[in-house]
Amino acid sequence: MDETNVYIFKKKYECQLGKIDEGRAITTFRGMMFIDGGMIPEPYASDIKKLFTDDKFVKEYIRVEKAIKNKV
């Protein structure tokens, strides 16, 4: 996962821990993970990181877009 990308769910993902709806966006910053701007606490962040190492999961569920950087 790269801080310059936004990872958007293409469809709903369901597992024993719950569900993540289509359109939800995951970002990373300084090693922390966020979903729609809210921090993802451990152990959930580690579980999501593991999902992103599975190419089949990423291909089926994730759309990658470049993050928009605000200029001050």
N, C-alpha and C. Protein backbone atom coordinates (compact mmCIF):
# COMPACT_ATOMS: atom_id res chain seq x y z
N MET A 1 0.85 -1.18 0.00
CA MET A 1 0.00 0.00 0.00
C MET A 1 0.89 1.24 0.00
N ASP A 2 0.43 2.24 -0.71
CA ASP A 2 1.22 3.44 -0.94
C ASP A 2 0.43 4.67 -0.49
N GLU A 3 1.09 5.59 0.20
CA GLU A 3 0.42 6.80 0.69
C GLU A 3 -0.10 7.70 -0.43
N THR A 4 0.39 7.52 -1.63
CA THR A 4 -0.05 8.38 -2.73
C THR A 4 -1.29 7.84 -3.43
N ASN A 5 -1.81 6.70 -2.95
CA ASN A 5 -2.99 6.09 -3.56
C ASN A 5 -4.17 6.04 -2.59
N VAL A 6 -5.36 5.98 -3.17
CA VAL A 6 -6.59 5.74 -2.43
C VAL A 6 -7.11 4.40 -2.94
N TYR A 7 -7.49 3.53 -2.01
CA TYR A 7 -7.96 2.19 -2.35
C TYR A 7 -9.46 2.13 -2.10
N ILE A 8 -10.23 2.03 -3.16
CA ILE A 8 -11.69 2.12 -3.09
C ILE A 8 -12.30 0.75 -3.36
N PHE A 9 -13.25 0.37 -2.52
CA PHE A 9 -13.92 -0.92 -2.70
C PHE A 9 -14.88 -0.84 -3.88
N LYS A 10 -14.71 -1.76 -4.85
CA LYS A 10 -15.57 -1.83 -6.04
C LYS A 10 -16.90 -2.48 -5.73
N LYS A 11 -16.94 -3.32 -4.69
CA LYS A 11 -18.17 -3.98 -4.28
C LYS A 11 -18.06 -4.31 -2.79
N LYS A 12 -19.19 -4.67 -2.20
CA LYS A 12 -19.22 -4.95 -0.76
C LYS A 12 -18.35 -6.17 -0.45
N TYR A 13 -17.55 -6.05 0.61
CA TYR A 13 -16.72 -7.16 1.08
C TYR A 13 -17.27 -7.60 2.43
N GLU A 14 -17.56 -8.89 2.56
CA GLU A 14 -18.09 -9.44 3.82
C GLU A 14 -17.18 -10.55 4.32
N CYS A 15 -16.96 -10.56 5.66
CA CYS A 15 -16.19 -11.62 6.29
C CYS A 15 -16.73 -11.81 7.71
N GLN A 16 -16.10 -12.67 8.49
CA GLN A 16 -16.59 -12.93 9.84
C GLN A 16 -16.48 -11.72 10.76
N LEU A 17 -15.62 -10.76 10.42
CA LEU A 17 -15.47 -9.56 11.25
C LEU A 17 -16.48 -8.47 10.92
N GLY A 18 -17.20 -8.62 9.80
CA GLY A 18 -18.18 -7.61 9.41
C GLY A 18 -18.16 -7.38 7.92
N LYS A 19 -18.56 -6.17 7.51
CA LYS A 19 -18.62 -5.86 6.08
C LYS A 19 -18.04 -4.47 5.83
N ILE A 20 -17.55 -4.30 4.61
CA ILE A 20 -17.10 -3.00 4.14
C ILE A 20 -17.89 -2.74 2.86
N ASP A 21 -18.67 -1.67 2.86
CA ASP A 21 -19.54 -1.38 1.73
C ASP A 21 -18.78 -0.87 0.51
N GLU A 22 -19.40 -1.06 -0.65
CA GLU A 22 -18.89 -0.52 -1.90
C GLU A 22 -18.72 0.99 -1.77
N GLY A 23 -17.63 1.50 -2.33
CA GLY A 23 -17.38 2.94 -2.32
C GLY A 23 -16.56 3.43 -1.14
N ARG A 24 -16.35 2.60 -0.12
CA ARG A 24 -15.52 3.01 1.02
C ARG A 24 -14.08 3.14 0.56
N ALA A 25 -13.36 4.12 1.08
CA ALA A 25 -11.99 4.40 0.64
C ALA A 25 -11.00 4.21 1.78
N ILE A 26 -9.95 3.48 1.50
CA ILE A 26 -8.87 3.26 2.48
C ILE A 26 -7.64 4.01 2.02
N THR A 27 -7.03 4.73 2.96
CA THR A 27 -5.77 5.43 2.71
C THR A 27 -4.79 5.08 3.82
N THR A 28 -3.51 5.35 3.57
CA THR A 28 -2.50 5.16 4.60
C THR A 28 -1.71 6.46 4.76
N PHE A 29 -1.23 6.68 5.99
CA PHE A 29 -0.40 7.85 6.27
C PHE A 29 0.47 7.52 7.46
N ARG A 30 1.78 7.59 7.25
CA ARG A 30 2.77 7.31 8.29
C ARG A 30 2.52 5.97 9.00
N GLY A 31 2.21 4.97 8.18
CA GLY A 31 2.03 3.63 8.72
C GLY A 31 0.66 3.34 9.31
N MET A 32 -0.21 4.34 9.38
CA MET A 32 -1.56 4.14 9.91
C MET A 32 -2.55 4.03 8.76
N MET A 33 -3.62 3.28 8.98
CA MET A 33 -4.65 3.11 7.95
C MET A 33 -5.91 3.88 8.35
N PHE A 34 -6.56 4.42 7.32
CA PHE A 34 -7.79 5.18 7.52
C PHE A 34 -8.85 4.70 6.54
N ILE A 35 -10.11 4.70 6.99
CA ILE A 35 -11.22 4.40 6.10
C ILE A 35 -12.15 5.61 6.12
N ASP A 36 -12.32 6.21 4.98
CA ASP A 36 -13.11 7.44 4.84
C ASP A 36 -12.68 8.50 5.84
N GLY A 37 -11.38 8.60 6.11
CA GLY A 37 -10.83 9.62 6.98
C GLY A 37 -10.74 9.25 8.45
N GLY A 38 -11.39 8.16 8.86
CA GLY A 38 -11.32 7.72 10.26
C GLY A 38 -10.27 6.64 10.42
N MET A 39 -9.50 6.71 11.50
CA MET A 39 -8.42 5.76 11.72
C MET A 39 -8.97 4.35 11.96
N ILE A 40 -8.31 3.36 11.37
CA ILE A 40 -8.66 1.95 11.58
C ILE A 40 -7.77 1.44 12.70
N PRO A 41 -8.36 1.05 13.84
CA PRO A 41 -7.54 0.58 14.97
C PRO A 41 -7.05 -0.84 14.76
N GLU A 42 -6.02 -1.19 15.51
CA GLU A 42 -5.56 -2.58 15.54
C GLU A 42 -6.57 -3.39 16.34
N PRO A 43 -6.77 -4.63 16.06
CA PRO A 43 -6.08 -5.50 15.11
C PRO A 43 -6.66 -5.44 13.70
N TYR A 44 -7.70 -4.62 13.50
CA TYR A 44 -8.36 -4.56 12.19
C TYR A 44 -7.43 -4.06 11.09
N ALA A 45 -6.58 -3.08 11.40
CA ALA A 45 -5.65 -2.55 10.40
C ALA A 45 -4.72 -3.65 9.89
N SER A 46 -4.22 -4.48 10.79
CA SER A 46 -3.33 -5.57 10.38
C SER A 46 -4.07 -6.58 9.51
N ASP A 47 -5.32 -6.86 9.85
CA ASP A 47 -6.12 -7.80 9.05
C ASP A 47 -6.34 -7.25 7.65
N ILE A 48 -6.62 -5.96 7.53
CA ILE A 48 -6.84 -5.36 6.21
C ILE A 48 -5.54 -5.35 5.41
N LYS A 49 -4.41 -5.05 6.07
CA LYS A 49 -3.12 -5.09 5.37
C LYS A 49 -2.86 -6.47 4.79
N LYS A 50 -3.21 -7.52 5.52
CA LYS A 50 -3.03 -8.88 5.03
C LYS A 50 -3.88 -9.11 3.78
N LEU A 51 -5.12 -8.60 3.77
CA LEU A 51 -5.98 -8.75 2.60
C LEU A 51 -5.33 -8.14 1.36
N PHE A 52 -4.67 -7.01 1.54
CA PHE A 52 -4.08 -6.31 0.40
C PHE A 52 -2.84 -7.01 -0.16
N THR A 53 -2.34 -8.02 0.52
CA THR A 53 -1.23 -8.80 -0.03
C THR A 53 -1.74 -9.91 -0.94
N ASP A 54 -3.06 -10.12 -0.95
CA ASP A 54 -3.69 -11.15 -1.79
C ASP A 54 -4.11 -10.53 -3.11
N ASP A 55 -3.37 -10.84 -4.18
CA ASP A 55 -3.64 -10.25 -5.50
C ASP A 55 -5.06 -10.54 -5.97
N LYS A 56 -5.59 -11.72 -5.67
CA LYS A 56 -6.95 -12.07 -6.07
C LYS A 56 -7.97 -11.15 -5.39
N PHE A 57 -7.79 -10.89 -4.10
CA PHE A 57 -8.67 -9.97 -3.37
C PHE A 57 -8.61 -8.58 -3.98
N VAL A 58 -7.41 -8.08 -4.20
CA VAL A 58 -7.23 -6.73 -4.75
C VAL A 58 -7.89 -6.62 -6.12
N LYS A 59 -7.68 -7.60 -6.97
CA LYS A 59 -8.25 -7.56 -8.31
C LYS A 59 -9.77 -7.56 -8.28
N GLU A 60 -10.36 -8.33 -7.37
CA GLU A 60 -11.81 -8.46 -7.31
C GLU A 60 -12.49 -7.29 -6.59
N TYR A 61 -11.87 -6.75 -5.54
CA TYR A 61 -12.56 -5.80 -4.67
C TYR A 61 -12.05 -4.36 -4.71
N ILE A 62 -10.85 -4.12 -5.20
CA ILE A 62 -10.22 -2.81 -5.02
C ILE A 62 -9.96 -2.09 -6.33
N ARG A 63 -10.28 -0.80 -6.33
CA ARG A 63 -9.92 0.11 -7.43
C ARG A 63 -8.93 1.11 -6.84
N VAL A 64 -7.82 1.33 -7.51
CA VAL A 64 -6.76 2.21 -7.00
C VAL A 64 -6.81 3.54 -7.76
N GLU A 65 -6.83 4.64 -7.00
CA GLU A 65 -6.79 5.97 -7.59
C GLU A 65 -5.68 6.77 -6.92
N LYS A 66 -5.14 7.75 -7.63
CA LYS A 66 -4.14 8.63 -7.03
C LYS A 66 -4.81 9.57 -6.04
N ALA A 67 -4.16 9.78 -4.92
CA ALA A 67 -4.67 10.69 -3.90
C ALA A 67 -4.51 12.13 -4.39
N ILE A 68 -5.45 12.96 -4.04
CA ILE A 68 -5.38 14.38 -4.39
C ILE A 68 -4.63 15.09 -3.26
N LYS A 69 -3.59 15.78 -3.62
CA LYS A 69 -2.81 16.53 -2.63
C LYS A 69 -3.28 17.98 -2.61
N ASN A 70 -3.62 18.46 -1.42
CA ASN A 70 -4.01 19.86 -1.28
C ASN A 70 -2.78 20.74 -1.22
N LYS A 71 -2.83 21.84 -1.93
CA LYS A 71 -1.71 22.80 -1.89
C LYS A 71 -2.13 23.94 -0.98
N VAL A 72 -1.22 24.32 -0.11
CA VAL A 72 -1.51 25.41 0.83
C VAL A 72 -0.81 26.67 0.38
